[in-house]
Amino acid sequence: MLLEAFVAAIPSRYVVVETLPDPASTPLNSDCCARNGRGCLVSVTTSLDHPTTSADKERSAPPAGPAHPRAILAIILISYFLILLDNSVIFTGLPSIASALRLDAAGLSWVQDAYTLVFGGLLLLGARLGDLLGRRRVFVFGLAVFVTASFLIGVAPTGWWLIGSRALQGVGAAIVAPSALSLLTASFPEGERRSRAVAWYAATAGIGASLGLLVGGAAAEWISWRAGFFINVPLGIAMAVLAPRYLPATQRQRGRFDLLGALSATLGVGALVFGILESAGRGWGSPVVVGAMVAAAVLLAGLVVHERRTAQPILPLRLFADRRRWGAYAARALYLGAMMGFFFFTTQLMQDAFGFTPFQAGLGFLPMTAVNFAVATVLLRVVRRAGEASTLVAGVALTLAGMAWLAQVGAVGSYLEGVALPMVLIGAGQGLAFAPLTSYGIAGVRAEDAGAASGLVNTAHQLGTATGLALLVAASAGATDLTVRVSTALTWGTGLLAFCLIAAVTVIIPGRRTSATN
C-alpha cells in the first residue's frame, strides 16, 4: 500500500515509539508547571522507587491511543503535501489553462488568487473548528472538501467553474493545514520527539513547492494540466479513509463559538490578502486596493479589541506574549514572501530565457529539492550540535546568499552558474530554516491554544506568500527585459530575507533566552 511504502521511507529515528492523546486531555506535570509557569506535555509514569499497585497502573498508563506513530506522520505529511502541491502545480499549467478555457490575464490571475484568498482568509476559522469539533473529524472533512474540489477542477469546462472550484479547494486547505499541524502537536510530546516530527513536516513544506512545479510541468507537457489535480483524488481519499484508523481521536473543547471573532478574522485577513493581490495589477493607489486595506485595518483592529474581551477567543492574544512565537510568525511571512517570488520568477526565467519546457523547468528545481531533502535527513543532528537558534540563523543566511547570487542571473549566461548553484544554497538554507520557524511558532503553547497557534503559523505562511509575490511583481513591473525583471524581483526578495534574518537575530533568539530564564 502507498501508506506502508511511505512509512517505510521514514527513518525510525524520526518517529516516536508511543504517542500521546490530544493535549487537552493530557495530564500536566506539576513540577514542570512550577518550574516554568506553563504546562508541559508529558506522559504520567509511576516512580520506580515505590511499589506499583494495580490502581497505580490504571492511573499511570497513558490513555489508549494509536500505536502507529509512523503511520500518523505519513498521513499528516501526505495530506499537507497535497495542499502544497496544488499551491505550485498551477504555475506550470497556466499557459495551457489560458488556452483551453480562453481566460484573459485577469481571469488567469484569479485561478491562483481565488485559492490564496480563501485559504488565507479561513485559516483561523479552520483552526478553531478543529478545537471545538475534534481535530481528526475536522481534518477528514477538510480532506473530503479538498478532494472534491480537486476533481471539479480537473473536469472544469469553463473559466468560472475553475475559479469557483479553486476557491472551494482553498476552503478544504484552510481546514486541513492547521488541523494537520495541531494533530502533529497532539501526537508527539514536546521535546526531541516532536522536533523530529516537525523536521519532517518542515521538509515537506520546503520540498512540496518545487515538486509541485515538477509534477505540474510533467502533467502539462505529457498529459494535460488537469492531470496535476486528478492526482489529489486517489491520494486524498486514501488519507481520509486511513485517518480515522491511525490518527488520535482528540477531545472537543467545551465552549461557545466566537462568531464575531470568526467573522472579523475571516473578513479582515481576506480583505488584506485581496488588497495585496489586487495591488500587483491596479497599483497601491487604486481605490479598490485602498478600500480593501482600510477595511482590513478596521476589521483586524476590531478583532484585537474583541479578542481582549471575550472569554473564548478564536485568536488568543496571549500567543503573541512570547517573543519566540510572534517573531517566528513575522520571520515566516518574510521568508515565504521571498520564496514564493523565487518560484514564480525562476520558473519564468527557465522557460522564457533558457528555453526549457514546463517539465524541464520542473526538473530545473531538482538541485534545490535534492539538497533540501538531504539536509532534512540530518537536521536533528545539526540542531543537537549547533542549537535551534543557530540552525535558524544559518538557514536564513544561506537562503539569503543563494537568492543574492541568483539575482545576478542577468550577468551569468548559463543555467549551471546562474541558477543551479545558487539553488544549492537556497535548498540547504530552506532545509535548515523551516523546522525552527515551525517549532518556534508553536513553542510553549497551552494545550487549548494548539489549534490557534497552528492556524497562525499557516496564516503567516499564506500572508507571506501573497504579500511577497505582490510586492516583487510590483517592484519589477517597470522592467521590459525578462532577465532584468527577474533580477529586480529577486533583489527585492533578498531584501525580504535580510529582514527575516534581522527578525531571527533580534526577536526570536532574545525571546528564546528570556523564555529559558523564566
Protein backbone atom coordinates (compact mmCIF):
# COMPACT_ATOMS: atom_id res chain seq x y z
CA MET A 1 0.00 0.00 0.00
CA LEU A 2 1.01 3.61 -0.55
CA LEU A 3 0.91 4.40 3.18
CA GLU A 4 3.11 1.44 4.12
CA ALA A 5 5.63 2.40 1.42
CA PHE A 6 5.76 5.98 2.62
CA VAL A 7 6.03 4.89 6.26
CA ALA A 8 8.91 2.58 5.42
CA ALA A 9 10.79 5.50 3.86
CA ILE A 10 10.73 7.47 7.12
CA PRO A 11 13.76 6.56 9.26
CA SER A 12 12.68 5.03 12.54
CA ARG A 13 14.75 7.54 14.49
CA TYR A 14 12.49 10.31 13.22
CA VAL A 15 9.38 8.97 14.88
CA VAL A 16 8.33 8.06 18.37
CA VAL A 17 7.55 4.65 19.76
CA GLU A 18 4.44 5.88 21.54
CA THR A 19 2.05 8.75 21.16
CA LEU A 20 0.07 10.98 23.44
CA PRO A 21 -3.56 11.89 23.01
CA ASP A 22 -4.82 15.37 22.45
CA PRO A 23 -3.00 17.87 24.71
CA ALA A 24 -6.38 18.95 26.01
CA SER A 25 -6.74 15.53 27.68
CA THR A 26 -3.09 15.03 28.61
CA PRO A 27 -2.13 15.37 32.28
CA LEU A 28 0.31 18.13 33.10
CA ASN A 29 3.49 17.59 35.03
CA SER A 30 3.19 19.69 38.16
CA ASP A 31 6.96 20.00 38.66
CA CYS A 32 7.31 21.39 35.16
CA CYS A 33 4.43 23.79 35.74
CA ALA A 34 6.02 25.03 38.94
CA ARG A 35 9.32 25.46 37.24
CA ASN A 36 8.36 27.43 34.18
CA GLY A 37 4.81 28.52 34.77
CA ARG A 38 3.22 26.66 31.91
CA GLY A 39 2.07 23.14 31.15
CA CYS A 40 4.40 20.62 29.55
CA LEU A 41 3.03 17.69 27.59
CA VAL A 42 4.33 14.58 29.31
CA SER A 43 3.33 11.00 29.94
CA VAL A 44 2.38 10.25 33.51
CA THR A 45 4.56 7.45 34.94
CA THR A 46 4.91 5.92 38.36
CA SER A 47 8.13 6.10 40.32
CA LEU A 48 10.45 3.11 40.17
CA ASP A 49 11.27 3.74 43.85
CA HIS A 50 7.80 2.81 45.03
CA PRO A 51 5.77 -0.35 44.62
CA THR A 52 3.18 -0.14 41.90
CA THR A 53 -0.35 -1.23 42.66
CA SER A 54 -2.96 -2.14 40.11
CA ALA A 55 -4.65 1.17 40.82
CA ASP A 56 -1.37 2.97 40.17
CA LYS A 57 -1.00 1.15 36.88
CA GLU A 58 -4.50 2.10 35.90
CA ARG A 59 -3.85 5.76 36.76
CA SER A 60 -0.35 5.90 35.27
CA ALA A 61 -0.99 4.10 32.00
CA PRO A 62 -1.23 6.50 29.09
CA PRO A 63 -4.72 6.80 27.65
CA ALA A 64 -5.47 4.45 24.79
CA GLY A 65 -4.38 5.93 21.52
CA PRO A 66 -2.96 4.98 18.14
CA ALA A 67 0.06 2.69 18.29
CA HIS A 68 1.37 3.57 14.84
CA PRO A 69 3.31 6.85 15.06
CA ARG A 70 4.95 6.41 11.65
CA ALA A 71 1.53 5.97 10.07
CA ILE A 72 0.36 9.13 11.85
CA LEU A 73 3.28 11.08 10.47
CA ALA A 74 2.79 9.66 6.97
CA ILE A 75 -0.91 10.62 6.86
CA ILE A 76 -0.19 14.15 8.07
CA LEU A 77 2.74 14.67 5.67
CA ILE A 78 0.99 13.29 2.59
CA SER A 79 -2.12 15.38 3.27
CA TYR A 80 -0.04 18.51 3.84
CA PHE A 81 1.95 17.74 0.69
CA LEU A 82 -1.24 17.66 -1.40
CA ILE A 83 -2.03 21.23 -0.29
CA LEU A 84 1.47 22.43 -1.11
CA LEU A 85 1.41 20.56 -4.41
CA ASP A 86 -1.61 22.46 -5.67
CA ASN A 87 -0.22 25.76 -4.44
CA SER A 88 2.55 25.47 -7.04
CA VAL A 89 1.36 22.92 -9.64
CA ILE A 90 -0.81 25.64 -11.12
CA PHE A 91 2.20 27.75 -12.17
CA THR A 92 3.45 25.46 -14.95
CA GLY A 93 -0.10 24.79 -16.16
CA LEU A 94 -1.22 28.41 -16.55
CA PRO A 95 -0.41 28.77 -20.29
CA SER A 96 -2.32 25.57 -21.09
CA ILE A 97 -5.24 26.63 -18.88
CA ALA A 98 -5.46 30.01 -20.59
CA SER A 99 -5.57 28.36 -24.00
CA ALA A 100 -8.03 25.60 -23.09
CA LEU A 101 -10.53 27.76 -21.19
CA ARG A 102 -9.98 31.05 -23.05
CA LEU A 103 -9.04 33.05 -19.99
CA ASP A 104 -7.54 36.52 -20.24
CA ALA A 105 -4.78 37.77 -17.93
CA ALA A 106 -7.24 38.94 -15.25
CA GLY A 107 -9.14 35.65 -15.25
CA LEU A 108 -5.90 33.69 -15.18
CA SER A 109 -4.67 35.60 -12.13
CA TRP A 110 -7.86 34.68 -10.29
CA VAL A 111 -7.17 30.99 -10.85
CA GLN A 112 -4.38 31.35 -8.30
CA ASP A 113 -5.78 34.27 -6.31
CA ALA A 114 -9.14 32.60 -5.54
CA TYR A 115 -7.30 29.75 -3.83
CA THR A 116 -4.89 32.04 -1.96
CA LEU A 117 -7.62 34.45 -0.86
CA VAL A 118 -9.95 31.81 0.58
CA PHE A 119 -7.10 29.74 2.04
CA GLY A 120 -5.59 32.72 3.86
CA GLY A 121 -8.92 34.14 4.99
CA LEU A 122 -10.32 30.97 6.53
CA LEU A 123 -7.23 29.58 8.28
CA LEU A 124 -8.01 30.91 11.76
CA LEU A 125 -11.62 29.75 11.44
CA GLY A 126 -10.43 26.31 10.29
CA ALA A 127 -8.12 26.04 13.29
CA ARG A 128 -10.89 26.93 15.74
CA LEU A 129 -13.27 24.40 14.19
CA GLY A 130 -10.74 21.69 14.94
CA ASP A 131 -10.60 22.73 18.59
CA LEU A 132 -14.38 22.74 19.04
CA LEU A 133 -15.45 19.80 16.88
CA GLY A 134 -12.44 17.49 17.20
CA ARG A 135 -9.31 17.81 15.09
CA ARG A 136 -9.43 14.37 13.48
CA ARG A 137 -13.06 14.79 12.47
CA VAL A 138 -12.41 18.23 11.01
CA PHE A 139 -9.23 17.00 9.29
CA VAL A 140 -11.15 14.25 7.47
CA PHE A 141 -13.90 16.70 6.50
CA GLY A 142 -11.32 19.14 5.13
CA LEU A 143 -9.72 16.38 3.06
CA ALA A 144 -13.14 15.48 1.64
CA VAL A 145 -13.72 19.10 0.58
CA PHE A 146 -10.23 19.37 -0.88
CA VAL A 147 -10.55 16.13 -2.88
CA THR A 148 -13.98 17.09 -4.19
CA ALA A 149 -12.69 20.48 -5.32
CA SER A 150 -9.65 18.88 -6.97
CA PHE A 151 -11.95 16.64 -9.02
CA LEU A 152 -14.11 19.60 -10.01
CA ILE A 153 -11.00 21.50 -11.13
CA GLY A 154 -9.91 18.53 -13.22
CA VAL A 155 -13.23 18.42 -15.11
CA ALA A 156 -13.75 22.20 -15.29
CA PRO A 157 -15.41 23.09 -18.63
CA THR A 158 -15.23 26.88 -18.19
CA GLY A 159 -13.14 29.53 -16.51
CA TRP A 160 -15.73 30.48 -13.88
CA TRP A 161 -16.10 26.79 -12.93
CA LEU A 162 -12.33 26.51 -12.49
CA ILE A 163 -12.08 29.69 -10.38
CA GLY A 164 -15.01 28.64 -8.18
CA SER A 165 -13.51 25.18 -7.68
CA ARG A 166 -10.16 26.71 -6.75
CA ALA A 167 -11.95 28.77 -4.09
CA LEU A 168 -13.61 25.61 -2.76
CA GLN A 169 -10.21 23.94 -2.74
CA GLY A 170 -8.97 26.84 -0.61
CA VAL A 171 -11.75 26.08 1.91
CA GLY A 172 -10.53 22.49 2.21
CA ALA A 173 -6.90 23.57 2.50
CA ALA A 174 -7.76 26.09 5.24
CA ILE A 175 -9.29 23.26 7.27
CA VAL A 176 -6.61 20.63 6.62
CA ALA A 177 -3.47 22.74 7.12
CA PRO A 178 -3.98 23.88 10.75
CA SER A 179 -5.58 20.55 11.70
CA ALA A 180 -2.54 18.68 10.37
CA LEU A 181 -0.07 20.71 12.44
CA SER A 182 -2.21 20.59 15.60
CA LEU A 183 -2.64 16.81 15.20
CA LEU A 184 1.12 16.51 14.93
CA THR A 185 1.44 18.58 18.10
CA ALA A 186 -1.09 16.36 19.85
CA SER A 187 0.56 13.12 18.72
CA PHE A 188 4.18 13.87 19.54
CA PRO A 189 5.15 15.11 23.03
CA GLU A 190 7.18 18.31 23.28
CA GLY A 191 10.91 17.72 23.10
CA GLU A 192 13.13 15.77 20.75
CA ARG A 193 10.33 13.51 19.55
CA ARG A 194 8.23 16.41 18.41
CA SER A 195 11.30 18.12 16.95
CA ARG A 196 11.88 15.09 14.74
CA ALA A 197 8.29 15.11 13.55
CA VAL A 198 8.38 18.86 12.95
CA ALA A 199 11.60 18.42 10.94
CA TRP A 200 9.76 16.15 8.51
CA TYR A 201 6.77 18.45 8.44
CA ALA A 202 9.08 21.36 7.62
CA ALA A 203 10.89 19.32 4.98
CA THR A 204 7.53 18.67 3.33
CA ALA A 205 6.85 22.41 3.34
CA GLY A 206 10.19 23.09 1.69
CA ILE A 207 10.08 20.29 -0.87
CA GLY A 208 6.39 20.42 -1.74
CA ALA A 209 6.56 23.63 -3.77
CA SER A 210 9.43 22.53 -6.02
CA LEU A 211 7.97 19.05 -6.54
CA GLY A 212 4.67 20.71 -7.41
CA LEU A 213 6.37 22.51 -10.26
CA LEU A 214 7.89 19.23 -11.47
CA VAL A 215 4.60 17.33 -11.29
CA GLY A 216 2.69 20.19 -12.88
CA GLY A 217 5.24 20.54 -15.66
CA ALA A 218 5.23 16.82 -16.44
CA ALA A 219 1.43 16.69 -16.44
CA ALA A 220 1.08 19.79 -18.64
CA GLU A 221 3.66 18.56 -21.15
CA TRP A 222 2.83 14.87 -21.43
CA ILE A 223 -0.83 14.52 -20.41
CA SER A 224 -2.87 17.61 -19.53
CA TRP A 225 -2.84 20.38 -16.97
CA ARG A 226 -5.86 18.62 -15.48
CA ALA A 227 -3.79 15.58 -14.51
CA GLY A 228 -1.96 17.56 -11.84
CA PHE A 229 -5.25 17.96 -9.95
CA PHE A 230 -6.55 14.45 -10.52
CA ILE A 231 -3.51 13.16 -8.62
CA ASN A 232 -5.07 14.54 -5.44
CA VAL A 233 -8.21 12.44 -5.74
CA PRO A 234 -6.95 8.89 -5.01
CA LEU A 235 -4.29 10.12 -2.56
CA GLY A 236 -6.75 12.33 -0.69
CA ILE A 237 -9.38 9.58 -0.50
CA ALA A 238 -6.79 7.15 0.83
CA MET A 239 -5.69 9.57 3.57
CA ALA A 240 -9.31 10.33 4.53
CA VAL A 241 -10.04 6.59 4.86
CA LEU A 242 -6.88 5.86 6.86
CA ALA A 243 -7.09 8.90 9.15
CA PRO A 244 -9.82 7.52 11.49
CA ARG A 245 -7.83 4.31 11.87
CA TYR A 246 -4.48 5.84 12.79
CA LEU A 247 -4.84 9.47 13.88
CA PRO A 248 -5.54 10.15 17.57
CA ALA A 249 -9.12 10.97 18.49
CA THR A 250 -8.92 14.40 20.07
CA GLN A 251 -11.44 15.62 22.59
CA ARG A 252 -13.65 18.54 21.76
CA GLN A 253 -13.11 21.67 23.76
CA ARG A 254 -16.16 22.82 25.62
CA GLY A 255 -17.18 26.33 24.90
CA ARG A 256 -19.05 28.69 22.64
CA PHE A 257 -18.03 29.52 19.13
CA ASP A 258 -16.70 33.07 18.82
CA LEU A 259 -18.85 34.06 15.84
CA LEU A 260 -17.91 37.76 15.87
CA GLY A 261 -14.22 36.89 16.16
CA ALA A 262 -14.52 34.35 13.35
CA LEU A 263 -16.19 36.86 11.03
CA SER A 264 -13.70 39.60 11.88
CA ALA A 265 -10.71 37.30 11.38
CA THR A 266 -12.01 35.81 8.13
CA LEU A 267 -13.12 39.09 6.56
CA GLY A 268 -10.12 41.03 7.88
CA VAL A 269 -7.49 38.59 6.65
CA GLY A 270 -9.46 38.08 3.42
CA ALA A 271 -9.58 41.86 2.77
CA LEU A 272 -5.85 42.12 3.47
CA VAL A 273 -4.99 39.30 1.07
CA PHE A 274 -7.38 40.73 -1.57
CA GLY A 275 -5.82 44.19 -1.33
CA ILE A 276 -2.32 42.78 -1.64
CA LEU A 277 -3.23 40.57 -4.60
CA GLU A 278 -5.00 43.40 -6.44
CA SER A 279 -2.13 45.84 -5.83
CA ALA A 280 0.02 43.97 -8.36
CA GLY A 281 -2.32 44.84 -11.22
CA ARG A 282 -4.07 48.01 -10.06
CA GLY A 283 -1.32 49.74 -8.09
CA TRP A 284 -1.29 50.68 -4.42
CA GLY A 285 -3.15 53.94 -5.07
CA SER A 286 -6.20 52.25 -6.60
CA PRO A 287 -9.49 52.93 -4.76
CA VAL A 288 -10.16 49.19 -4.72
CA VAL A 289 -6.81 48.45 -3.09
CA VAL A 290 -7.04 51.35 -0.63
CA GLY A 291 -10.59 50.38 0.29
CA ALA A 292 -9.59 46.77 0.88
CA MET A 293 -6.62 47.76 3.04
CA VAL A 294 -8.71 50.20 5.10
CA ALA A 295 -11.38 47.54 5.59
CA ALA A 296 -8.70 45.05 6.64
CA ALA A 297 -7.23 47.52 9.15
CA VAL A 298 -10.65 48.27 10.67
CA LEU A 299 -11.69 44.62 10.87
CA LEU A 300 -8.38 43.41 12.32
CA ALA A 301 -8.28 46.25 14.85
CA GLY A 302 -11.83 45.35 15.83
CA LEU A 303 -10.72 41.72 16.13
CA VAL A 304 -7.99 42.66 18.61
CA VAL A 305 -10.42 44.72 20.72
CA HIS A 306 -12.99 41.94 20.69
CA GLU A 307 -10.47 39.18 21.48
CA ARG A 308 -9.28 41.10 24.54
CA ARG A 309 -12.80 40.97 26.00
CA THR A 310 -14.19 37.60 25.00
CA ALA A 311 -13.70 34.60 27.28
CA GLN A 312 -13.11 32.08 24.48
CA PRO A 313 -11.36 33.89 21.62
CA ILE A 314 -10.75 32.48 18.17
CA LEU A 315 -7.33 34.19 18.33
CA PRO A 316 -5.92 34.11 21.87
CA LEU A 317 -3.79 37.26 22.12
CA ARG A 318 -1.59 35.54 24.71
CA LEU A 319 0.03 33.72 21.79
CA PHE A 320 1.82 36.99 20.99
CA ALA A 321 3.16 37.37 24.53
CA ASP A 322 6.08 35.07 23.72
CA ARG A 323 8.68 36.80 21.54
CA ARG A 324 9.70 33.49 20.01
CA ARG A 325 6.24 32.93 18.60
CA TRP A 326 5.40 36.34 17.19
CA GLY A 327 8.96 36.65 15.91
CA ALA A 328 8.54 33.29 14.18
CA TYR A 329 5.27 34.43 12.57
CA ALA A 330 6.91 37.60 11.23
CA ALA A 331 10.04 35.78 10.07
CA ARG A 332 7.98 33.08 8.36
CA ALA A 333 5.95 35.66 6.44
CA LEU A 334 9.13 37.40 5.24
CA TYR A 335 10.81 34.12 4.34
CA LEU A 336 7.82 32.78 2.41
CA GLY A 337 7.39 36.09 0.60
CA ALA A 338 10.90 35.75 -0.80
CA MET A 339 10.48 32.06 -1.60
CA MET A 340 7.20 32.44 -3.48
CA GLY A 341 8.80 35.15 -5.59
CA PHE A 342 11.73 32.81 -6.19
CA PHE A 343 9.47 30.05 -7.56
CA PHE A 344 7.32 32.42 -9.60
CA PHE A 345 10.15 34.27 -11.32
CA THR A 346 12.66 31.44 -11.64
CA THR A 347 10.06 29.33 -13.44
CA GLN A 348 9.59 32.11 -15.99
CA LEU A 349 13.34 32.54 -16.30
CA MET A 350 13.96 28.89 -17.14
CA GLN A 351 11.12 28.67 -19.66
CA ASP A 352 11.41 32.04 -21.38
CA ALA A 353 15.13 32.84 -21.11
CA PHE A 354 16.69 29.37 -21.18
CA GLY A 355 14.04 27.80 -23.41
CA PHE A 356 13.07 24.99 -21.03
CA THR A 357 9.82 23.10 -21.49
CA PRO A 358 7.43 23.03 -18.48
CA PHE A 359 8.77 19.63 -17.46
CA GLN A 360 12.39 20.71 -17.88
CA ALA A 361 11.64 23.77 -15.76
CA GLY A 362 10.31 21.46 -13.05
CA LEU A 363 13.48 19.37 -13.30
CA GLY A 364 15.47 22.58 -13.05
CA PHE A 365 14.46 22.85 -9.39
CA LEU A 366 15.91 19.44 -8.51
CA PRO A 367 19.25 20.83 -7.22
CA MET A 368 17.29 22.68 -4.55
CA THR A 369 14.90 19.81 -3.83
CA ALA A 370 17.64 17.18 -3.50
CA VAL A 371 19.74 19.31 -1.16
CA ASN A 372 16.67 20.26 0.86
CA PHE A 373 15.78 16.61 1.41
CA ALA A 374 19.38 15.67 2.24
CA VAL A 375 19.55 18.41 4.86
CA ALA A 376 16.23 17.28 6.35
CA THR A 377 17.63 13.80 7.00
CA VAL A 378 20.47 15.17 9.15
CA LEU A 379 18.70 18.19 10.58
CA LEU A 380 18.19 16.78 14.06
CA ARG A 381 21.90 16.05 14.41
CA VAL A 382 22.68 19.59 13.28
CA VAL A 383 20.22 21.04 15.81
CA ARG A 384 21.62 18.82 18.55
CA ARG A 385 25.13 20.14 17.96
CA ALA A 386 24.51 23.74 16.98
CA GLY A 387 21.22 24.51 18.66
CA GLU A 388 17.89 25.50 17.14
CA ALA A 389 18.65 29.24 17.12
CA SER A 390 21.99 28.86 15.32
CA THR A 391 20.38 26.47 12.83
CA LEU A 392 17.69 29.05 12.03
CA VAL A 393 20.19 31.86 11.53
CA ALA A 394 22.41 29.68 9.34
CA GLY A 395 19.42 28.59 7.26
CA VAL A 396 18.18 32.11 6.61
CA ALA A 397 21.72 33.33 5.87
CA LEU A 398 22.32 30.54 3.33
CA THR A 399 18.99 31.25 1.64
CA LEU A 400 19.85 34.96 1.52
CA ALA A 401 23.26 34.22 -0.06
CA GLY A 402 21.68 31.94 -2.67
CA MET A 403 18.99 34.49 -3.52
CA ALA A 404 21.55 37.29 -3.85
CA TRP A 405 23.60 35.09 -6.19
CA LEU A 406 20.54 34.14 -8.26
CA ALA A 407 19.60 37.84 -8.55
CA GLN A 408 22.77 38.31 -10.65
CA VAL A 409 21.36 35.99 -13.33
CA GLY A 410 21.43 38.76 -15.93
CA ALA A 411 25.22 38.76 -15.79
CA VAL A 412 25.54 34.95 -15.94
CA GLY A 413 24.75 33.15 -19.17
CA SER A 414 24.40 29.50 -18.14
CA TYR A 415 21.83 27.58 -16.11
CA LEU A 416 24.54 25.85 -14.07
CA GLU A 417 26.25 29.01 -12.81
CA GLY A 418 23.27 31.33 -12.80
CA VAL A 419 20.53 29.05 -11.42
CA ALA A 420 21.61 25.56 -10.33
CA LEU A 421 24.46 26.51 -8.00
CA PRO A 422 22.52 29.27 -6.23
CA MET A 423 19.69 26.75 -5.80
CA VAL A 424 22.03 24.50 -3.83
CA LEU A 425 22.47 27.26 -1.25
CA ILE A 426 18.75 28.04 -1.24
CA GLY A 427 17.87 24.36 -0.77
CA ALA A 428 20.33 23.96 2.11
CA GLY A 429 19.06 27.13 3.75
CA GLN A 430 15.44 26.12 3.36
CA GLY A 431 16.15 22.69 4.83
CA LEU A 432 17.70 24.32 7.90
CA ALA A 433 15.27 27.22 8.37
CA PHE A 434 11.78 25.75 8.03
CA ALA A 435 11.84 23.41 11.02
CA PRO A 436 12.98 26.05 13.56
CA LEU A 437 10.46 28.54 12.15
CA THR A 438 7.69 25.98 12.64
CA SER A 439 8.94 24.88 16.05
CA TYR A 440 9.22 28.43 17.40
CA GLY A 441 5.72 29.19 16.09
CA ILE A 442 4.18 26.53 18.36
CA ALA A 443 6.73 26.73 21.18
CA GLY A 444 5.32 26.59 24.69
CA VAL A 445 1.66 26.89 23.69
CA ARG A 446 -1.05 25.83 26.09
CA ALA A 447 -2.94 22.69 25.20
CA GLU A 448 -6.10 24.65 24.45
CA ASP A 449 -4.17 27.03 22.16
CA ALA A 450 -2.59 24.36 19.94
CA GLY A 451 -5.12 24.83 17.15
CA ALA A 452 -4.91 28.63 17.21
CA ALA A 453 -1.09 28.54 17.16
CA SER A 454 -1.16 26.13 14.20
CA GLY A 455 -3.61 28.45 12.44
CA LEU A 456 -1.30 31.43 13.00
CA VAL A 457 1.70 29.53 11.59
CA ASN A 458 -0.24 28.78 8.42
CA THR A 459 -1.76 32.29 8.26
CA ALA A 460 1.73 33.80 8.39
CA HIS A 461 2.69 31.35 5.64
CA GLN A 462 -0.16 32.40 3.34
CA LEU A 463 0.05 36.12 4.07
CA GLY A 464 3.76 35.96 3.39
CA THR A 465 3.32 34.28 0.01
CA ALA A 466 0.57 36.67 -1.08
CA THR A 467 2.32 39.81 0.20
CA GLY A 468 5.75 38.83 -1.04
CA LEU A 469 4.62 37.90 -4.53
CA ALA A 470 2.56 41.09 -4.90
CA LEU A 471 5.49 43.19 -3.69
CA LEU A 472 8.03 41.54 -6.01
CA VAL A 473 5.68 41.71 -9.02
CA ALA A 474 5.04 45.41 -8.37
CA ALA A 475 8.75 46.14 -7.82
CA SER A 476 9.75 44.52 -11.12
CA ALA A 477 6.80 45.69 -13.24
CA GLY A 478 8.71 48.55 -14.87
CA ALA A 479 11.36 46.32 -16.47
CA THR A 480 10.72 45.23 -20.05
CA ASP A 481 13.56 42.72 -20.35
CA LEU A 482 12.83 39.38 -18.65
CA THR A 483 16.25 38.90 -17.05
CA VAL A 484 16.18 42.44 -15.69
CA ARG A 485 12.69 41.87 -14.29
CA VAL A 486 13.73 38.60 -12.65
CA SER A 487 16.92 40.16 -11.29
CA THR A 488 14.99 43.10 -9.83
CA ALA A 489 12.38 40.85 -8.21
CA LEU A 490 14.97 38.55 -6.67
CA THR A 491 16.97 41.51 -5.40
CA TRP A 492 13.87 42.62 -3.52
CA GLY A 493 13.46 39.02 -2.37
CA THR A 494 16.98 39.20 -0.97
CA GLY A 495 15.87 42.27 0.98
CA LEU A 496 12.94 40.34 2.48
CA LEU A 497 15.35 37.63 3.59
CA ALA A 498 17.60 40.25 5.15
CA PHE A 499 14.67 41.47 7.26
CA CYS A 500 13.89 37.83 8.11
CA LEU A 501 17.45 37.39 9.36
CA ILE A 502 17.16 40.57 11.44
CA ALA A 503 13.91 39.27 12.98
CA ALA A 504 15.59 35.98 13.87
CA VAL A 505 18.59 37.66 15.49
CA THR A 506 16.82 40.50 17.29
CA VAL A 507 13.45 38.95 18.24
CA ILE A 508 13.42 35.14 18.21
CA ILE A 509 16.82 34.46 19.77
CA PRO A 510 16.44 37.01 22.60
CA GLY A 511 12.93 35.66 23.16
CA ARG A 512 14.32 32.14 23.46
CA ARG A 513 16.82 33.26 26.09
CA THR A 514 14.12 35.11 28.03
CA SER A 515 11.88 32.04 27.99
CA ALA A 516 14.73 29.84 29.20
CA THR A 517 15.36 32.06 32.24
CA ASN A 518 11.70 32.31 33.29
